[in-house]
N, C-alpha and C. Protein backbone atom coordinates (compact mmCIF):
# COMPACT_ATOMS: atom_id res chain seq x y z
N MET A 1 104.99 83.32 77.61
CA MET A 1 103.70 82.72 77.87
C MET A 1 102.60 83.75 77.57
N LYS A 2 101.63 83.33 76.76
CA LYS A 2 100.52 84.23 76.40
C LYS A 2 99.53 84.30 77.56
N ARG A 3 99.19 85.52 77.94
CA ARG A 3 98.23 85.74 79.03
C ARG A 3 97.05 86.55 78.54
N LYS A 4 95.96 86.44 79.29
CA LYS A 4 94.75 87.19 78.97
C LYS A 4 94.59 88.33 79.96
N TYR A 5 94.52 89.54 79.43
CA TYR A 5 94.36 90.74 80.24
C TYR A 5 92.98 91.36 80.00
N LEU A 6 92.41 91.86 81.08
CA LEU A 6 91.21 92.68 80.96
C LEU A 6 91.53 94.06 81.49
N ILE A 7 91.30 95.05 80.66
CA ILE A 7 91.45 96.44 81.08
C ILE A 7 90.05 97.01 81.23
N VAL A 8 89.76 97.51 82.43
CA VAL A 8 88.47 98.16 82.66
C VAL A 8 88.76 99.66 82.75
N LEU A 9 88.19 100.39 81.82
CA LEU A 9 88.50 101.80 81.65
C LEU A 9 87.28 102.67 81.94
N ALA A 10 87.38 103.48 82.98
CA ALA A 10 86.33 104.46 83.29
C ALA A 10 86.57 105.67 82.40
N ASP A 11 85.62 105.97 81.55
CA ASP A 11 85.86 107.05 80.58
C ASP A 11 85.08 108.33 80.87
N TYR A 12 84.86 108.60 82.15
CA TYR A 12 84.18 109.84 82.53
C TYR A 12 84.97 111.06 82.03
N TYR A 13 86.29 111.01 82.22
CA TYR A 13 87.19 112.03 81.68
C TYR A 13 87.90 111.40 80.49
N LYS A 14 87.31 111.51 79.32
CA LYS A 14 87.78 110.77 78.13
C LYS A 14 89.24 111.04 77.79
N ASP A 15 89.66 112.28 77.80
CA ASP A 15 91.04 112.62 77.45
C ASP A 15 92.02 111.95 78.40
N ILE A 16 91.71 111.98 79.67
CA ILE A 16 92.59 111.38 80.68
C ILE A 16 92.58 109.86 80.54
N SER A 17 91.41 109.27 80.38
CA SER A 17 91.34 107.81 80.30
C SER A 17 92.05 107.28 79.05
N ILE A 18 91.97 107.99 77.94
CA ILE A 18 92.68 107.56 76.73
C ILE A 18 94.19 107.61 76.97
N GLY A 19 94.67 108.63 77.67
CA GLY A 19 96.10 108.71 78.00
C GLY A 19 96.53 107.56 78.90
N LEU A 20 95.71 107.23 79.89
CA LEU A 20 96.01 106.10 80.78
C LEU A 20 96.06 104.80 79.98
N LEU A 21 95.10 104.63 79.09
CA LEU A 21 95.04 103.41 78.27
C LEU A 21 96.25 103.29 77.35
N LYS A 22 96.58 104.36 76.66
CA LYS A 22 97.73 104.32 75.75
C LYS A 22 99.02 103.97 76.49
N SER A 23 99.21 104.57 77.66
CA SER A 23 100.45 104.29 78.40
C SER A 23 100.48 102.85 78.91
N ALA A 24 99.32 102.29 79.25
CA ALA A 24 99.26 100.90 79.70
C ALA A 24 99.53 99.94 78.56
N LEU A 25 98.93 100.20 77.40
CA LEU A 25 99.10 99.30 76.26
C LEU A 25 100.54 99.23 75.77
N LYS A 26 101.29 100.31 75.97
CA LYS A 26 102.71 100.31 75.59
C LYS A 26 103.53 99.32 76.41
N LYS A 27 103.06 98.99 77.60
CA LYS A 27 103.83 98.14 78.51
C LYS A 27 103.50 96.66 78.41
N ILE A 28 102.30 96.34 77.93
CA ILE A 28 101.89 94.93 77.87
C ILE A 28 102.44 94.32 76.59
N PRO A 29 103.19 93.23 76.71
CA PRO A 29 103.76 92.60 75.51
C PRO A 29 102.67 92.25 74.49
N LYS A 30 102.97 92.47 73.22
CA LYS A 30 102.00 92.31 72.13
C LYS A 30 101.48 90.88 71.97
N LYS A 31 102.21 89.89 72.44
CA LYS A 31 101.80 88.50 72.26
C LYS A 31 100.58 88.13 73.12
N ASN A 32 100.22 88.98 74.06
CA ASN A 32 99.11 88.71 74.96
C ASN A 32 97.76 89.09 74.37
N SER A 33 96.71 88.54 74.95
CA SER A 33 95.35 88.85 74.56
C SER A 33 94.82 89.94 75.51
N ILE A 34 94.29 91.01 74.94
CA ILE A 34 93.82 92.14 75.75
C ILE A 34 92.39 92.49 75.34
N LYS A 35 91.52 92.56 76.34
CA LYS A 35 90.15 93.03 76.11
C LYS A 35 89.97 94.30 76.93
N ILE A 36 89.24 95.25 76.37
CA ILE A 36 88.96 96.51 77.06
C ILE A 36 87.45 96.63 77.24
N ILE A 37 87.04 96.88 78.47
CA ILE A 37 85.63 97.16 78.76
C ILE A 37 85.56 98.59 79.29
N TYR A 38 84.68 99.37 78.69
CA TYR A 38 84.48 100.75 79.11
C TYR A 38 83.33 100.82 80.11
N VAL A 39 83.54 101.58 81.18
CA VAL A 39 82.50 101.81 82.18
C VAL A 39 82.38 103.33 82.38
N PRO A 40 81.24 103.79 82.90
CA PRO A 40 81.05 105.25 83.02
C PRO A 40 81.94 105.93 84.06
N GLY A 41 82.25 105.25 85.16
CA GLY A 41 83.06 105.86 86.21
C GLY A 41 83.85 104.81 86.97
N VAL A 42 84.74 105.27 87.84
CA VAL A 42 85.61 104.33 88.56
C VAL A 42 84.84 103.43 89.53
N PHE A 43 83.70 103.88 89.99
CA PHE A 43 82.92 103.07 90.93
C PHE A 43 82.45 101.76 90.29
N GLU A 44 82.33 101.74 88.98
CA GLU A 44 81.88 100.54 88.27
C GLU A 44 83.02 99.58 87.93
N ILE A 45 84.25 99.98 88.15
CA ILE A 45 85.40 99.14 87.79
C ILE A 45 85.44 97.84 88.60
N PRO A 46 85.37 97.89 89.95
CA PRO A 46 85.50 96.63 90.71
C PRO A 46 84.46 95.58 90.37
N VAL A 47 83.20 95.97 90.20
CA VAL A 47 82.16 94.98 89.89
C VAL A 47 82.39 94.38 88.50
N THR A 48 82.89 95.18 87.58
CA THR A 48 83.17 94.67 86.23
C THR A 48 84.31 93.66 86.28
N ILE A 49 85.33 93.95 87.05
CA ILE A 49 86.43 92.99 87.21
C ILE A 49 85.91 91.72 87.89
N SER A 50 85.11 91.90 88.93
CA SER A 50 84.56 90.76 89.67
C SER A 50 83.77 89.82 88.76
N LYS A 51 82.96 90.39 87.86
CA LYS A 51 82.17 89.59 86.94
C LYS A 51 83.04 88.79 85.97
N ASN A 52 84.26 89.23 85.77
CA ASN A 52 85.16 88.61 84.79
C ASN A 52 86.38 87.94 85.41
N ILE A 53 86.41 87.80 86.72
CA ILE A 53 87.61 87.38 87.43
C ILE A 53 88.12 86.00 86.99
N ASN A 54 87.24 85.11 86.59
CA ASN A 54 87.67 83.76 86.21
C ASN A 54 88.06 83.64 84.73
N ARG A 55 87.85 84.69 83.96
CA ARG A 55 88.12 84.63 82.52
C ARG A 55 89.48 85.17 82.11
N TYR A 56 90.17 85.85 83.04
CA TYR A 56 91.42 86.52 82.69
C TYR A 56 92.51 86.23 83.71
N ASP A 57 93.75 86.40 83.27
CA ASP A 57 94.91 86.17 84.15
C ASP A 57 95.27 87.41 84.95
N ALA A 58 94.98 88.57 84.39
CA ALA A 58 95.38 89.82 85.03
C ALA A 58 94.45 90.95 84.59
N PHE A 59 94.44 92.01 85.39
CA PHE A 59 93.50 93.09 85.17
C PHE A 59 94.18 94.44 85.36
N LEU A 60 93.65 95.43 84.66
CA LEU A 60 94.05 96.82 84.88
C LEU A 60 92.80 97.64 85.10
N ALA A 61 92.80 98.40 86.17
CA ALA A 61 91.73 99.33 86.49
C ALA A 61 92.24 100.73 86.16
N LEU A 62 91.63 101.37 85.18
CA LEU A 62 92.11 102.68 84.74
C LEU A 62 90.97 103.70 84.79
N GLY A 63 91.28 104.85 85.34
CA GLY A 63 90.30 105.91 85.41
C GLY A 63 90.83 107.09 86.21
N CYS A 64 89.98 108.06 86.41
CA CYS A 64 90.40 109.28 87.09
C CYS A 64 89.25 109.81 87.96
N VAL A 65 89.62 110.24 89.15
CA VAL A 65 88.68 110.91 90.05
C VAL A 65 89.30 112.27 90.38
N ILE A 66 88.53 113.33 90.15
CA ILE A 66 89.01 114.68 90.45
C ILE A 66 88.18 115.25 91.59
N LYS A 67 88.87 115.81 92.57
CA LYS A 67 88.21 116.34 93.76
C LYS A 67 87.31 117.52 93.40
N GLY A 68 86.12 117.47 93.94
CA GLY A 68 85.17 118.56 93.76
C GLY A 68 84.91 119.26 95.09
N GLN A 69 83.71 119.79 95.24
CA GLN A 69 83.36 120.56 96.43
C GLN A 69 82.75 119.71 97.55
N THR A 70 82.51 118.43 97.28
CA THR A 70 81.86 117.56 98.27
C THR A 70 82.77 116.38 98.62
N PRO A 71 82.43 115.62 99.64
CA PRO A 71 83.25 114.46 100.03
C PRO A 71 83.13 113.26 99.07
N HIS A 72 82.36 113.39 98.02
CA HIS A 72 82.17 112.32 97.04
C HIS A 72 83.50 111.74 96.56
N PHE A 73 84.47 112.60 96.30
CA PHE A 73 85.81 112.21 95.87
C PHE A 73 86.41 111.19 96.82
N ASP A 74 86.34 111.47 98.11
CA ASP A 74 86.92 110.59 99.12
C ASP A 74 86.22 109.23 99.16
N PHE A 75 84.91 109.25 99.10
CA PHE A 75 84.14 108.00 99.15
C PHE A 75 84.43 107.12 97.95
N ILE A 76 84.40 107.70 96.77
CA ILE A 76 84.61 106.94 95.53
C ILE A 76 86.05 106.41 95.48
N SER A 77 87.00 107.25 95.79
CA SER A 77 88.41 106.83 95.75
C SER A 77 88.68 105.69 96.71
N GLN A 78 88.24 105.83 97.93
CA GLN A 78 88.50 104.80 98.95
C GLN A 78 87.75 103.51 98.65
N ALA A 79 86.49 103.62 98.27
CA ALA A 79 85.70 102.41 97.97
C ALA A 79 86.31 101.64 96.80
N SER A 80 86.71 102.33 95.77
CA SER A 80 87.28 101.68 94.59
C SER A 80 88.61 101.00 94.94
N THR A 81 89.46 101.71 95.65
CA THR A 81 90.75 101.15 96.04
C THR A 81 90.58 99.92 96.91
N ASN A 82 89.72 100.00 97.91
CA ASN A 82 89.49 98.86 98.80
C ASN A 82 88.93 97.66 98.04
N ALA A 83 87.98 97.90 97.15
CA ALA A 83 87.37 96.80 96.40
C ALA A 83 88.38 96.14 95.48
N ILE A 84 89.20 96.93 94.83
CA ILE A 84 90.23 96.37 93.94
C ILE A 84 91.23 95.53 94.72
N MET A 85 91.67 96.03 95.86
CA MET A 85 92.62 95.28 96.69
C MET A 85 91.99 93.98 97.17
N ASN A 86 90.76 94.03 97.64
CA ASN A 86 90.08 92.81 98.11
C ASN A 86 89.93 91.79 96.99
N LEU A 87 89.54 92.24 95.81
CA LEU A 87 89.42 91.34 94.67
C LEU A 87 90.75 90.67 94.33
N SER A 88 91.81 91.45 94.33
CA SER A 88 93.12 90.92 93.99
C SER A 88 93.58 89.87 95.00
N ILE A 89 93.37 90.16 96.27
CA ILE A 89 93.79 89.22 97.32
C ILE A 89 92.95 87.95 97.29
N THR A 90 91.64 88.08 97.20
CA THR A 90 90.79 86.89 97.25
C THR A 90 90.92 86.03 95.99
N SER A 91 91.14 86.66 94.84
CA SER A 91 91.28 85.90 93.59
C SER A 91 92.71 85.44 93.35
N LYS A 92 93.65 86.04 94.08
CA LYS A 92 95.08 85.78 93.88
C LYS A 92 95.52 86.10 92.45
N LYS A 93 94.91 87.13 91.90
CA LYS A 93 95.24 87.60 90.56
C LYS A 93 95.63 89.07 90.64
N PRO A 94 96.63 89.46 89.84
CA PRO A 94 97.05 90.86 89.90
C PRO A 94 96.06 91.80 89.24
N ILE A 95 95.78 92.88 89.94
CA ILE A 95 94.94 93.96 89.41
C ILE A 95 95.73 95.25 89.58
N GLY A 96 96.17 95.80 88.49
CA GLY A 96 96.91 97.05 88.53
C GLY A 96 95.96 98.21 88.75
N ASN A 97 96.20 98.96 89.81
CA ASN A 97 95.33 100.10 90.12
C ASN A 97 95.87 101.34 89.43
N GLY A 98 95.31 101.63 88.28
CA GLY A 98 95.68 102.82 87.54
C GLY A 98 94.60 103.88 87.61
N ILE A 99 93.92 103.92 88.75
CA ILE A 99 92.93 104.97 88.98
C ILE A 99 93.66 106.13 89.63
N ILE A 100 93.75 107.22 88.92
CA ILE A 100 94.45 108.37 89.48
C ILE A 100 93.45 109.26 90.21
N THR A 101 93.90 109.78 91.33
CA THR A 101 93.08 110.69 92.13
C THR A 101 93.79 112.04 92.15
N CYS A 102 93.11 113.05 91.69
CA CYS A 102 93.74 114.35 91.51
C CYS A 102 92.89 115.46 92.11
N LEU A 103 93.56 116.54 92.42
CA LEU A 103 92.86 117.69 92.97
C LEU A 103 92.25 118.58 91.88
N ASN A 104 92.80 118.48 90.66
CA ASN A 104 92.29 119.30 89.57
C ASN A 104 92.67 118.67 88.22
N MET A 105 92.14 119.22 87.16
CA MET A 105 92.38 118.68 85.82
C MET A 105 93.85 118.81 85.41
N SER A 106 94.49 119.86 85.84
CA SER A 106 95.90 120.04 85.51
C SER A 106 96.74 118.88 86.04
N GLN A 107 96.49 118.47 87.28
CA GLN A 107 97.20 117.32 87.84
C GLN A 107 96.88 116.05 87.05
N ALA A 108 95.63 115.89 86.69
CA ALA A 108 95.22 114.69 85.96
C ALA A 108 95.95 114.60 84.62
N LYS A 109 96.05 115.68 83.90
CA LYS A 109 96.72 115.69 82.60
C LYS A 109 98.20 115.31 82.75
N LYS A 110 98.81 115.71 83.84
CA LYS A 110 100.22 115.38 84.07
C LYS A 110 100.43 113.93 84.48
N ARG A 111 99.38 113.25 84.88
CA ARG A 111 99.51 111.88 85.40
C ARG A 111 98.94 110.82 84.45
N LYS A 112 98.70 111.18 83.20
CA LYS A 112 98.10 110.25 82.25
C LYS A 112 98.97 109.01 82.00
N LYS A 113 100.24 109.10 82.28
CA LYS A 113 101.14 107.96 82.04
C LYS A 113 101.12 106.93 83.17
N LYS A 114 100.32 107.18 84.19
CA LYS A 114 100.24 106.26 85.33
C LYS A 114 99.64 104.91 84.93
N GLY A 115 98.93 104.84 83.82
CA GLY A 115 98.43 103.56 83.33
C GLY A 115 99.56 102.60 83.04
N GLY A 116 100.65 103.12 82.52
CA GLY A 116 101.84 102.31 82.25
C GLY A 116 102.45 101.75 83.52
N GLU A 117 102.44 102.54 84.57
CA GLU A 117 102.98 102.07 85.85
C GLU A 117 102.12 100.96 86.43
N ALA A 118 100.81 101.06 86.27
CA ALA A 118 99.92 100.00 86.73
C ALA A 118 100.16 98.72 85.94
N ALA A 119 100.38 98.85 84.64
CA ALA A 119 100.68 97.68 83.81
C ALA A 119 102.00 97.04 84.23
N GLU A 120 103.01 97.85 84.51
CA GLU A 120 104.30 97.32 84.97
C GLU A 120 104.15 96.56 86.28
N ALA A 121 103.30 97.05 87.17
CA ALA A 121 103.08 96.37 88.44
C ALA A 121 102.45 94.99 88.21
N VAL A 122 101.49 94.92 87.30
CA VAL A 122 100.85 93.64 86.98
C VAL A 122 101.87 92.67 86.38
N LEU A 123 102.68 93.15 85.46
CA LEU A 123 103.70 92.30 84.85
C LEU A 123 104.68 91.78 85.89
N SER A 124 105.01 92.61 86.85
CA SER A 124 105.92 92.19 87.93
C SER A 124 105.31 91.06 88.76
N VAL A 125 104.04 91.20 89.10
CA VAL A 125 103.38 90.16 89.91
C VAL A 125 103.26 88.87 89.10
N LEU A 126 102.92 88.98 87.82
CA LEU A 126 102.81 87.78 86.99
C LEU A 126 104.13 87.04 86.87
N SER A 127 105.24 87.75 86.91
CA SER A 127 106.55 87.11 86.77
C SER A 127 107.06 86.50 88.07
N GLN A 128 106.42 86.78 89.18
CA GLN A 128 106.91 86.28 90.48
C GLN A 128 107.00 84.77 90.52
N LYS A 129 106.02 84.07 89.98
CA LYS A 129 106.03 82.62 90.02
C LYS A 129 107.29 82.08 89.34
N TRP A 130 107.59 82.61 88.16
CA TRP A 130 108.76 82.14 87.42
C TRP A 130 110.05 82.52 88.14
N GLU A 131 110.08 83.70 88.73
CA GLU A 131 111.26 84.10 89.49
C GLU A 131 111.48 83.17 90.67
N GLN A 132 110.41 82.78 91.36
CA GLN A 132 110.53 81.87 92.49
C GLN A 132 111.05 80.51 92.05
N ILE A 133 110.57 80.02 90.92
CA ILE A 133 111.03 78.73 90.40
C ILE A 133 112.52 78.80 90.07
N LEU A 134 112.94 79.89 89.43
CA LEU A 134 114.35 80.04 89.09
C LEU A 134 115.22 80.13 90.34
N ILE A 135 114.74 80.85 91.34
CA ILE A 135 115.50 80.97 92.59
C ILE A 135 115.60 79.61 93.27
N GLN A 136 114.48 78.87 93.32
CA GLN A 136 114.50 77.55 93.94
C GLN A 136 115.44 76.62 93.20
N LYS A 137 115.42 76.66 91.87
CA LYS A 137 116.29 75.81 91.08
C LYS A 137 117.75 76.17 91.34
N THR A 138 118.05 77.47 91.42
CA THR A 138 119.41 77.91 91.68
C THR A 138 119.88 77.43 93.06
N ILE A 139 119.00 77.52 94.05
CA ILE A 139 119.36 77.08 95.40
C ILE A 139 119.63 75.58 95.42
N LEU A 140 118.81 74.82 94.73
CA LEU A 140 119.00 73.37 94.67
C LEU A 140 120.31 72.99 93.99
N GLU A 141 120.74 73.80 93.02
CA GLU A 141 121.97 73.52 92.31
C GLU A 141 123.21 73.83 93.14
N LEU A 142 123.05 74.63 94.18
CA LEU A 142 124.20 75.00 95.02
C LEU A 142 124.68 73.88 95.84
């Protein structure tokens, strides 16, 4: 089944975001439709998804937050995570959270493949409906 995906990519750390994007694209089957919207930072990801929630079947939030000297890291990370979870629950649509939170650039570089894990999570949620139908059919046949 062909699905429409929206990937919202925060490109503040361009090298990291490109790695997250590449790893995510490797996991999404080629038959699907994929649009990518670039935003300046992870704080802009939830509102961008919200504006597009009715146009797509699934979403990927990709970006990176690196801890600095102020509590900004904590506020941005928590706000983004909470907003993404709320959007996913209220819309009943999967949003893969591929926003990595790191203490330094070295950690971020090592975690660039986390975009693929977020894509796998979305694919898993999308397949649940079909898995439930197959399970119900199997139970009825017993």
